[in-house]
Amino acid sequence: MKIVKRVIIGLVIAFAIFYLVTRPQDAANAVQGAFGAVWGAGVAVVDFFVALAGG
């Protein structure tokens, strides 16, 4: 199982590097979108706890 996991991780890293080299603008947009999604989820969690604490 460990060898399969290593191969999959290696393939994902190789694809990410290939994507970064061949389409840098699209790669930057993908990273911005991912950070935006994480930021939005964090804001939603904070809003939830604020609303929960407020009443």
C-alpha atoms as a PDB file:
ATOM      1  CA  MET A   1       0.000   0.000   0.000  1.00  0.00           C
ATOM      2  CA  LYS A   2       2.861   2.401   0.741  1.00  0.00           C
ATOM      3  CA  ILE A   3       4.279   2.020  -2.759  1.00  0.00           C
ATOM      4  CA  VAL A   4       0.911   2.864  -4.321  1.00  0.00           C
ATOM      5  CA  LYS A   5       0.614   5.951  -2.149  1.00  0.00           C
ATOM      6  CA  ARG A   6       4.120   7.071  -3.117  1.00  0.00           C
ATOM      7  CA  VAL A   7       3.411   6.559  -6.809  1.00  0.00           C
ATOM      8  CA  ILE A   8       0.161   8.532  -6.620  1.00  0.00           C
ATOM      9  CA  ILE A   9       1.822  11.386  -4.727  1.00  0.00           C
ATOM     10  CA  GLY A  10       4.664  11.412  -7.265  1.00  0.00           C
ATOM     11  CA  LEU A  11       2.206  11.569 -10.150  1.00  0.00           C
ATOM     12  CA  VAL A  12       0.274  14.414  -8.536  1.00  0.00           C
ATOM     13  CA  ILE A  13       3.476  16.391  -7.954  1.00  0.00           C
ATOM     14  CA  ALA A  14       4.670  15.727 -11.512  1.00  0.00           C
ATOM     15  CA  PHE A  15       1.328  16.886 -12.907  1.00  0.00           C
ATOM     16  CA  ALA A  16       1.410  20.032 -10.760  1.00  0.00           C
ATOM     17  CA  ILE A  17       4.906  20.905 -11.989  1.00  0.00           C
ATOM     18  CA  PHE A  18       3.921  20.200 -15.604  1.00  0.00           C
ATOM     19  CA  TYR A  19       0.809  22.367 -15.231  1.00  0.00           C
ATOM     20  CA  LEU A  20       2.816  25.159 -13.621  1.00  0.00           C
ATOM     21  CA  VAL A  21       5.405  25.161 -16.412  1.00  0.00           C
ATOM     22  CA  THR A  22       3.016  24.846 -19.342  1.00  0.00           C
ATOM     23  CA  ARG A  23       0.145  27.039 -18.095  1.00  0.00           C
ATOM     24  CA  PRO A  24       1.417  29.416 -15.399  1.00  0.00           C
ATOM     25  CA  GLN A  25      -1.537  31.824 -15.598  1.00  0.00           C
ATOM     26  CA  ASP A  26      -4.068  29.010 -15.191  1.00  0.00           C
ATOM     27  CA  ALA A  27      -2.031  27.554 -12.325  1.00  0.00           C
ATOM     28  CA  ALA A  28      -2.030  30.930 -10.571  1.00  0.00           C
ATOM     29  CA  ASN A  29      -5.784  31.221 -11.035  1.00  0.00           C
ATOM     30  CA  ALA A  30      -6.269  27.730  -9.594  1.00  0.00           C
ATOM     31  CA  VAL A  31      -4.205  28.601  -6.517  1.00  0.00           C
ATOM     32  CA  GLN A  32      -6.099  31.859  -6.042  1.00  0.00           C
ATOM     33  CA  GLY A  33      -9.378  29.976  -6.309  1.00  0.00           C
ATOM     34  CA  ALA A  34      -8.246  27.399  -3.755  1.00  0.00           C
ATOM     35  CA  PHE A  35      -7.147  30.064  -1.279  1.00  0.00           C
ATOM     36  CA  GLY A  36     -10.414  31.910  -1.848  1.00  0.00           C
ATOM     37  CA  ALA A  37     -12.387  28.773  -1.068  1.00  0.00           C
ATOM     38  CA  VAL A  38     -10.398  28.107   2.107  1.00  0.00           C
ATOM     39  CA  TRP A  39     -10.760  31.735   3.181  1.00  0.00           C
ATOM     40  CA  GLY A  40     -14.505  31.658   2.528  1.00  0.00           C
ATOM     41  CA  ALA A  41     -14.889  28.459   4.538  1.00  0.00           C
ATOM     42  CA  GLY A  42     -12.958  29.986   7.437  1.00  0.00           C
ATOM     43  CA  VAL A  43     -15.140  33.087   7.398  1.00  0.00           C
ATOM     44  CA  ALA A  44     -18.265  30.916   7.366  1.00  0.00           C
ATOM     45  CA  VAL A  45     -17.052  28.927  10.395  1.00  0.00           C
ATOM     46  CA  VAL A  46     -16.259  32.118  12.307  1.00  0.00           C
ATOM     47  CA  ASP A  47     -19.681  33.552  11.409  1.00  0.00           C
ATOM     48  CA  PHE A  48     -21.306  30.345  12.644  1.00  0.00           C
ATOM     49  CA  PHE A  49     -19.588  30.499  16.015  1.00  0.00           C
ATOM     50  CA  VAL A  50     -20.299  34.199  16.396  1.00  0.00           C
ATOM     51  CA  ALA A  51     -23.980  33.575  15.695  1.00  0.00           C
ATOM     52  CA  LEU A  52     -23.956  30.593  18.072  1.00  0.00           C
ATOM     53  CA  ALA A  53     -22.382  32.624  20.873  1.00  0.00           C
ATOM     54  CA  GLY A  54     -24.717  35.542  20.250  1.00  0.00           C
ATOM     55  CA  GLY A  55     -27.857  33.762  20.794  1.00  0.00           C
END
